[in-house]
Amino acid sequence: ATLDTDDVFKANSYTQSAGTGLTKFDDAVTLSGKMDFTGTNLTLNAAVNSGSTIEVTNSGTFTTAAAGDITSTSTFTQNGSGANSLAGNITTTNSNISFAKAITLTGDVAMSTGAGAGNMTFTETIDGTTANTEDFTLTAGTGNITFNAHIGNTKQLDDFTIESAQNVTINKIFKSDNFDMNNNAAVTINADGKLYIKADDLDTTAGNAVADNLDAGTGEVIIS
């Protein structure tokens, strides 16, 4: 079955506990409380604003269009077994953002947990749709960012920018056409991690995050 809302959707909260087809929102969704989706495929073609948590437990594909920006005053959690196809931004208020499954960027995407605490955790791979095309920008404030799987290893990202974070941990291969660190976050590369940096992206001036706070440990840094 398909649930397709073509008009503005406003409610205290939205809870879906099952579904084998597609749930699609084509116009803005405004919730004073939580959004809790459990089902197969979820598509957001317009903005979603939630006054509480957003949880996506998808067994199929979770898709956001470029206009499908998500704003939550609390956490955003993707914990289903299905993949994610993203073009919309995700913003929380000093709260965690986490993805359990692989992400494919179909457009430029920015994610932010705000200026304060709020961690970002990416458990599986992140790739672009077309090599060296899609940008990914992360702002974690005083929170930490952890990458547990390959980044850009199949379809390399274009500009990968970390605007802020306390600590950044790379546990697998990390590739992008341009890698920018705009704050003094500590970058740790663990045993299976490999950070690929282009020579013209390497800035060794004082205060540069990659130069000053890079701990490769038993991982690798490859400069090309």
Protein backbone atom coordinates (compact mmCIF):
# COMPACT_ATOMS: atom_id res chain seq x y z
CA ALA A 1 0.00 0.00 0.00
CA THR A 2 1.05 3.60 -0.59
CA LEU A 3 0.48 6.58 1.69
CA ASP A 4 0.93 9.77 -0.33
CA THR A 5 0.24 13.20 1.16
CA ASP A 6 0.18 15.98 -1.44
CA ASP A 7 -0.75 18.85 0.89
CA VAL A 8 0.70 20.44 4.03
CA PHE A 9 0.64 18.00 6.95
CA LYS A 10 0.34 19.38 10.49
CA ALA A 11 -0.12 17.31 13.66
CA ASN A 12 1.00 16.87 17.24
CA SER A 13 3.05 13.84 16.17
CA TYR A 14 3.33 11.20 13.45
CA THR A 15 3.71 7.50 14.29
CA GLN A 16 3.72 4.70 11.74
CA SER A 17 4.23 1.25 13.21
CA ALA A 18 4.20 -0.90 10.03
CA GLY A 19 3.90 -0.79 6.25
CA THR A 20 5.02 -2.72 3.18
CA GLY A 21 4.78 -0.01 0.53
CA LEU A 22 5.75 3.64 0.16
CA THR A 23 5.06 6.50 2.55
CA LYS A 24 5.59 9.83 0.77
CA PHE A 25 5.24 13.44 1.88
CA ASP A 26 5.12 15.88 -1.06
CA ASP A 27 4.46 19.02 0.99
CA ALA A 28 5.71 20.44 4.29
CA VAL A 29 5.31 18.44 7.50
CA THR A 30 5.07 20.33 10.80
CA LEU A 31 4.90 18.39 14.06
CA SER A 32 4.88 19.80 17.58
CA GLY A 33 6.03 16.40 18.84
CA LYS A 34 7.90 13.40 17.49
CA MET A 35 8.06 11.63 14.14
CA ASP A 36 8.41 7.85 14.51
CA PHE A 37 8.40 5.92 11.23
CA THR A 38 8.53 2.14 10.97
CA GLY A 39 7.87 0.74 7.51
CA THR A 40 9.41 -0.01 4.15
CA ASN A 41 10.08 3.06 1.98
CA LEU A 42 9.90 6.67 3.19
CA THR A 43 10.25 9.64 0.81
CA LEU A 44 10.38 13.28 1.89
CA ASN A 45 9.96 15.73 -0.98
CA ALA A 46 9.43 18.75 1.29
CA ALA A 47 10.63 20.01 4.64
CA VAL A 48 9.92 18.21 7.91
CA ASN A 49 9.96 20.16 11.19
CA SER A 50 9.62 18.27 14.45
CA GLY A 51 9.40 19.59 18.01
CA SER A 52 10.86 16.35 19.33
CA THR A 53 12.73 13.26 18.12
CA ILE A 54 12.74 11.90 14.58
CA GLU A 55 13.27 8.15 14.17
CA VAL A 56 13.33 6.32 10.82
CA THR A 57 13.19 2.53 10.94
CA ASN A 58 13.12 1.71 7.24
CA SER A 59 13.41 -1.76 5.73
CA GLY A 60 13.40 -0.20 2.25
CA THR A 61 14.90 3.09 1.08
CA PHE A 62 14.74 6.34 3.03
CA THR A 63 14.82 9.15 0.45
CA THR A 64 15.02 12.93 0.82
CA ALA A 65 14.76 15.35 -2.08
CA ALA A 66 16.73 18.61 -2.16
CA ALA A 67 13.68 20.34 -0.66
CA GLY A 68 13.27 17.62 1.96
CA ASP A 69 15.24 19.30 4.73
CA ILE A 70 14.74 17.83 8.21
CA THR A 71 14.75 19.93 11.39
CA SER A 72 14.42 18.36 14.83
CA THR A 73 14.67 20.00 18.25
CA SER A 74 15.94 16.66 19.54
CA THR A 75 17.72 13.66 18.00
CA PHE A 76 17.60 12.26 14.47
CA THR A 77 18.02 8.48 14.28
CA GLN A 78 18.01 6.17 11.26
CA ASN A 79 18.05 2.64 12.61
CA GLY A 80 16.31 0.54 9.96
CA SER A 81 17.86 -2.18 7.78
CA GLY A 82 17.33 -0.23 4.55
CA ALA A 83 19.60 2.18 2.70
CA ASN A 84 19.45 5.98 2.57
CA SER A 85 19.34 8.24 -0.50
CA LEU A 86 19.79 11.84 0.60
CA ALA A 87 19.68 15.30 -0.96
CA GLY A 88 18.06 17.19 1.95
CA ASN A 89 19.82 18.70 4.95
CA ILE A 90 19.41 17.50 8.55
CA THR A 91 19.54 19.85 11.56
CA THR A 92 19.09 19.12 15.26
CA THR A 93 19.38 21.29 18.35
CA ASN A 94 22.48 20.14 20.24
CA SER A 95 21.34 16.54 19.75
CA ASN A 96 22.75 13.43 18.10
CA ILE A 97 22.46 12.44 14.44
CA SER A 98 23.04 8.77 13.63
CA PHE A 99 22.73 6.50 10.60
CA ALA A 100 22.85 2.72 10.92
CA LYS A 101 22.94 1.98 7.18
CA ALA A 102 24.65 3.17 4.01
CA ILE A 103 24.11 6.67 2.63
CA THR A 104 24.18 7.72 -1.02
CA LEU A 105 24.24 11.46 -1.60
CA THR A 106 22.13 12.50 -4.59
CA GLY A 107 22.82 16.21 -4.01
CA ASP A 108 24.82 18.50 -1.74
CA VAL A 109 23.95 17.72 1.88
CA ALA A 110 24.68 19.53 5.15
CA MET A 111 24.12 18.05 8.60
CA SER A 112 24.31 20.03 11.84
CA THR A 113 23.84 19.23 15.51
CA GLY A 114 24.18 22.90 16.44
CA ALA A 115 26.88 24.78 18.33
CA GLY A 116 26.71 22.68 21.50
CA ALA A 117 26.83 18.98 22.29
CA GLY A 118 25.51 16.51 19.74
CA ASN A 119 27.43 13.63 18.20
CA MET A 120 27.29 12.28 14.65
CA THR A 121 27.73 8.56 14.01
CA PHE A 122 27.85 6.94 10.56
CA THR A 123 27.96 3.15 10.86
CA GLU A 124 28.08 2.19 7.18
CA THR A 125 29.39 3.67 3.92
CA ILE A 126 28.82 7.15 2.50
CA ASP A 127 29.14 7.64 -1.26
CA GLY A 128 28.13 10.10 -3.94
CA THR A 129 26.00 9.36 -6.99
CA THR A 130 28.54 10.73 -9.47
CA ALA A 131 32.23 10.76 -8.55
CA ASN A 132 33.58 14.15 -7.39
CA THR A 133 30.17 15.83 -7.60
CA GLU A 134 28.23 15.81 -4.32
CA ASP A 135 29.36 17.93 -1.32
CA PHE A 136 28.97 16.90 2.31
CA THR A 137 29.22 19.45 5.15
CA LEU A 138 29.11 18.52 8.84
CA THR A 139 28.76 20.82 11.86
CA ALA A 140 28.93 19.05 15.21
CA GLY A 141 29.65 21.96 17.55
CA THR A 142 31.30 20.47 20.65
CA GLY A 143 30.17 16.96 19.71
CA ASN A 144 32.16 14.17 18.09
CA ILE A 145 31.97 12.70 14.57
CA THR A 146 32.66 8.99 13.99
CA PHE A 147 32.96 7.23 10.62
CA ASN A 148 32.86 3.44 11.03
CA ALA A 149 32.89 2.48 7.32
CA HIS A 150 34.35 3.63 4.01
CA ILE A 151 33.66 7.22 2.91
CA GLY A 152 33.77 7.97 -0.81
CA ASN A 153 35.50 4.71 -1.63
CA THR A 154 33.03 3.69 -4.38
CA LYS A 155 31.88 7.13 -5.58
CA GLN A 156 34.24 9.76 -4.23
CA LEU A 157 32.64 12.90 -2.79
CA ASP A 158 33.53 16.38 -4.02
CA ASP A 159 33.95 18.88 -1.15
CA PHE A 160 33.87 17.25 2.28
CA THR A 161 33.83 19.96 4.95
CA ILE A 162 33.84 19.66 8.72
CA GLU A 163 32.84 23.04 10.09
CA SER A 164 33.13 22.08 13.76
CA ALA A 165 33.63 19.08 16.05
CA GLN A 166 35.50 18.16 19.19
CA ASN A 167 36.90 14.89 17.82
CA VAL A 168 36.74 13.20 14.41
CA THR A 169 37.40 9.44 14.22
CA ILE A 170 38.09 7.68 10.91
CA ASN A 171 37.92 3.88 11.08
CA LYS A 172 38.04 2.99 7.37
CA ILE A 173 38.98 4.52 4.00
CA PHE A 174 38.09 8.22 3.69
CA LYS A 175 38.20 9.87 0.25
CA SER A 176 36.97 13.17 -1.16
CA ASP A 177 38.14 15.48 -3.91
CA ASN A 178 38.61 18.27 -1.34
CA PHE A 179 38.79 17.81 2.43
CA ASP A 180 38.43 20.93 4.59
CA MET A 181 38.59 21.22 8.37
CA ASN A 182 37.44 24.63 9.51
CA ASN A 183 38.11 24.24 13.22
CA ASN A 184 40.67 22.72 15.55
CA ALA A 185 39.07 19.30 15.93
CA ALA A 186 41.32 16.37 16.80
CA VAL A 187 41.38 13.80 13.97
CA THR A 188 42.13 10.17 14.88
CA ILE A 189 42.74 7.45 12.28
CA ASN A 190 42.42 3.95 13.70
CA ALA A 191 44.02 0.67 12.55
CA ASP A 192 42.01 0.10 9.36
CA GLY A 193 41.61 3.80 8.59
CA LYS A 194 43.13 5.52 5.58
CA LEU A 195 42.78 9.28 5.00
CA TYR A 196 43.47 10.36 1.42
CA ILE A 197 44.53 14.01 1.12
CA LYS A 198 45.50 15.84 -2.04
CA ALA A 199 48.76 17.75 -1.75
CA ASP A 200 47.09 21.04 -2.61
CA ASP A 201 44.58 20.47 0.24
CA LEU A 202 47.29 20.07 2.87
CA ASP A 203 47.69 23.28 4.89
CA THR A 204 50.47 23.12 7.46
CA THR A 205 50.01 26.63 8.85
CA ALA A 206 49.49 27.04 12.58
CA GLY A 207 45.92 26.41 13.69
CA ASN A 208 45.02 24.13 10.81
CA ALA A 209 43.10 21.18 12.19
CA VAL A 210 44.46 18.50 9.92
CA ALA A 211 48.07 19.57 10.42
CA ASP A 212 47.97 20.30 14.16
CA ASN A 213 45.72 17.59 15.58
CA LEU A 214 46.10 14.56 13.32
CA ASP A 215 46.80 11.28 15.12
CA ALA A 216 47.26 8.54 12.53
CA GLY A 217 48.07 5.91 15.15
CA THR A 218 48.22 2.61 13.27
CA GLY A 219 46.21 4.05 10.37
CA GLU A 220 47.51 5.67 7.19
CA VAL A 221 47.58 9.13 5.62
CA ILE A 222 48.04 9.09 1.85
CA ILE A 223 49.03 12.37 0.16
CA SER A 224 48.72 12.48 -3.61
